[in-house]
């Protein structure tokens, strides 16, 4: 999206008898967990998110078509909360490359960031019940 969502809200109307959990990651806590040298590498950088790239990892034939419908977008890799100034990482499965770095170097840095973000201590897993609302 050209403008990232401020927040998310999910509700459960029908839930499976098993599975179907949703995981949320605190990107603020993940940023704070980054080693100082890694923070220096990412502060001020721009990440390009591409839905076509992420879909091509699942099905190489679909990436080009999806990429036409949903062109890549640029975002600050590290964002700050305007109210308190606390920083967070803006990254996920659609992160394709980092401007100013080659594709290989970008993919290595993105992999390092994703490794930190998905540590169990940064993840909340919600087990759904009918009527739940998670924000």
Protein backbone atom coordinates (compact mmCIF):
# COMPACT_ATOMS: atom_id res chain seq x y z
CA UNK A 1 0.00 0.00 0.00
CA UNK A 2 1.27 3.49 -0.70
CA UNK A 3 0.14 4.53 2.80
CA UNK A 4 0.58 1.89 5.52
CA UNK A 5 -2.34 1.08 7.75
CA UNK A 6 -2.37 2.81 11.13
CA UNK A 7 -3.71 -0.30 12.83
CA UNK A 8 -5.50 -3.57 12.17
CA UNK A 9 -8.67 -5.12 13.55
CA UNK A 10 -9.69 -8.73 13.00
CA UNK A 11 -12.87 -10.41 14.19
CA UNK A 12 -13.97 -14.04 14.25
CA UNK A 13 -17.39 -15.04 13.04
CA UNK A 14 -16.63 -18.69 12.20
CA UNK A 15 -13.57 -20.55 13.48
CA UNK A 16 -12.16 -23.98 12.63
CA UNK A 17 -12.16 -26.69 15.28
CA UNK A 18 -8.36 -26.75 15.14
CA UNK A 19 -5.67 -24.52 13.66
CA UNK A 20 -6.40 -21.08 12.25
CA UNK A 21 -4.36 -19.13 14.78
CA UNK A 22 -3.16 -15.65 13.86
CA UNK A 23 0.28 -14.39 14.83
CA UNK A 24 1.13 -10.75 15.50
CA UNK A 25 4.65 -9.37 15.87
CA UNK A 26 5.69 -6.26 17.77
CA UNK A 27 7.94 -4.49 15.30
CA UNK A 28 8.76 -1.91 17.98
CA UNK A 29 10.09 -4.59 20.34
CA UNK A 30 11.89 -6.21 17.40
CA UNK A 31 13.61 -2.92 16.51
CA UNK A 32 14.68 -2.45 20.11
CA UNK A 33 16.14 -5.99 20.07
CA UNK A 34 18.36 -5.27 17.06
CA UNK A 35 22.08 -5.05 17.78
CA UNK A 36 23.32 -1.46 17.55
CA UNK A 37 25.34 -2.14 14.38
CA UNK A 38 22.24 -3.53 12.65
CA UNK A 39 20.20 -0.49 13.73
CA UNK A 40 22.81 1.74 12.11
CA UNK A 41 22.52 -0.29 8.89
CA UNK A 42 18.74 0.13 8.67
CA UNK A 43 18.05 3.61 10.06
CA UNK A 44 17.27 6.01 7.22
CA UNK A 45 16.94 3.27 4.59
CA UNK A 46 14.06 2.76 2.17
CA UNK A 47 12.60 -0.72 1.61
CA UNK A 48 10.68 -1.61 -1.53
CA UNK A 49 7.68 -3.86 -0.89
CA UNK A 50 6.48 -5.96 -3.81
CA UNK A 51 3.38 -8.13 -3.70
CA UNK A 52 4.50 -9.63 -7.03
CA UNK A 53 7.84 -10.64 -5.50
CA UNK A 54 6.27 -12.32 -2.47
CA UNK A 55 3.72 -14.17 -4.62
CA UNK A 56 6.46 -15.33 -7.02
CA UNK A 57 8.08 -17.20 -4.12
CA UNK A 58 4.91 -19.31 -3.90
CA UNK A 59 4.20 -19.60 -7.64
CA UNK A 60 6.81 -18.18 -10.06
CA UNK A 61 4.19 -17.86 -12.79
CA UNK A 62 1.94 -15.55 -10.81
CA UNK A 63 4.50 -12.91 -9.75
CA UNK A 64 4.60 -10.99 -13.04
CA UNK A 65 0.82 -10.81 -13.36
CA UNK A 66 0.30 -9.73 -9.75
CA UNK A 67 3.17 -7.26 -10.06
CA UNK A 68 1.33 -5.47 -12.87
CA UNK A 69 -1.83 -5.14 -10.79
CA UNK A 70 -0.02 -4.17 -7.58
CA UNK A 71 3.18 -2.25 -8.36
CA UNK A 72 6.00 -2.08 -5.77
CA UNK A 73 5.87 0.67 -3.16
CA UNK A 74 8.62 2.42 -1.20
CA UNK A 75 8.54 2.87 2.57
CA UNK A 76 10.93 3.88 5.30
CA UNK A 77 12.45 0.69 6.68
CA UNK A 78 12.41 2.21 10.16
CA UNK A 79 9.47 4.36 11.17
CA UNK A 80 8.95 6.40 14.32
CA UNK A 81 5.74 6.74 16.29
CA UNK A 82 4.82 10.44 15.92
CA UNK A 83 3.53 10.61 19.50
CA UNK A 84 6.42 9.06 21.42
CA UNK A 85 9.25 8.80 18.88
CA UNK A 86 9.75 5.07 19.46
CA UNK A 87 11.05 3.34 16.36
CA UNK A 88 9.78 0.21 14.66
CA UNK A 89 10.77 -1.91 11.68
CA UNK A 90 8.44 -1.82 8.66
CA UNK A 91 9.12 -5.17 7.03
CA UNK A 92 7.34 -8.39 6.17
CA UNK A 93 6.93 -11.03 3.50
CA UNK A 94 6.48 -8.43 0.74
CA UNK A 95 9.86 -6.76 1.46
CA UNK A 96 11.77 -7.20 -1.78
CA UNK A 97 14.86 -4.99 -1.72
CA UNK A 98 16.48 -2.09 0.07
CA UNK A 99 17.35 0.99 -1.95
CA UNK A 100 21.07 1.65 -2.20
CA UNK A 101 21.97 -2.04 -1.81
CA UNK A 102 22.31 -4.74 -4.44
CA UNK A 103 19.62 -7.41 -4.55
CA UNK A 104 21.81 -10.05 -2.86
CA UNK A 105 22.87 -7.67 -0.09
CA UNK A 106 19.24 -6.56 0.30
CA UNK A 107 17.98 -10.12 0.65
CA UNK A 108 20.66 -10.93 3.27
CA UNK A 109 19.79 -7.84 5.33
CA UNK A 110 16.05 -8.49 5.04
CA UNK A 111 16.61 -12.10 6.17
CA UNK A 112 18.55 -10.86 9.23
CA UNK A 113 15.73 -8.48 10.12
CA UNK A 114 13.04 -11.12 9.67
CA UNK A 115 15.04 -13.52 11.83
CA UNK A 116 14.91 -11.02 14.71
CA UNK A 117 11.27 -10.05 14.20
CA UNK A 118 9.89 -13.59 14.38
CA UNK A 119 11.64 -14.62 17.57
CA UNK A 120 9.07 -16.23 19.89
CA UNK A 121 9.41 -13.45 22.47
CA UNK A 122 8.22 -10.90 19.84
CA UNK A 123 5.22 -12.94 18.66
CA UNK A 124 1.69 -13.06 20.05
CA UNK A 125 -0.37 -16.01 18.81
CA UNK A 126 -4.13 -15.64 19.09
CA UNK A 127 -6.28 -18.77 19.36
CA UNK A 128 -9.66 -17.68 18.01
CA UNK A 129 -13.11 -18.10 19.51
CA UNK A 130 -16.31 -16.95 17.83
CA UNK A 131 -16.92 -13.29 18.64
CA UNK A 132 -13.27 -12.41 19.33
CA UNK A 133 -12.01 -9.01 18.21
CA UNK A 134 -8.28 -8.37 18.10
CA UNK A 135 -6.83 -4.92 17.45
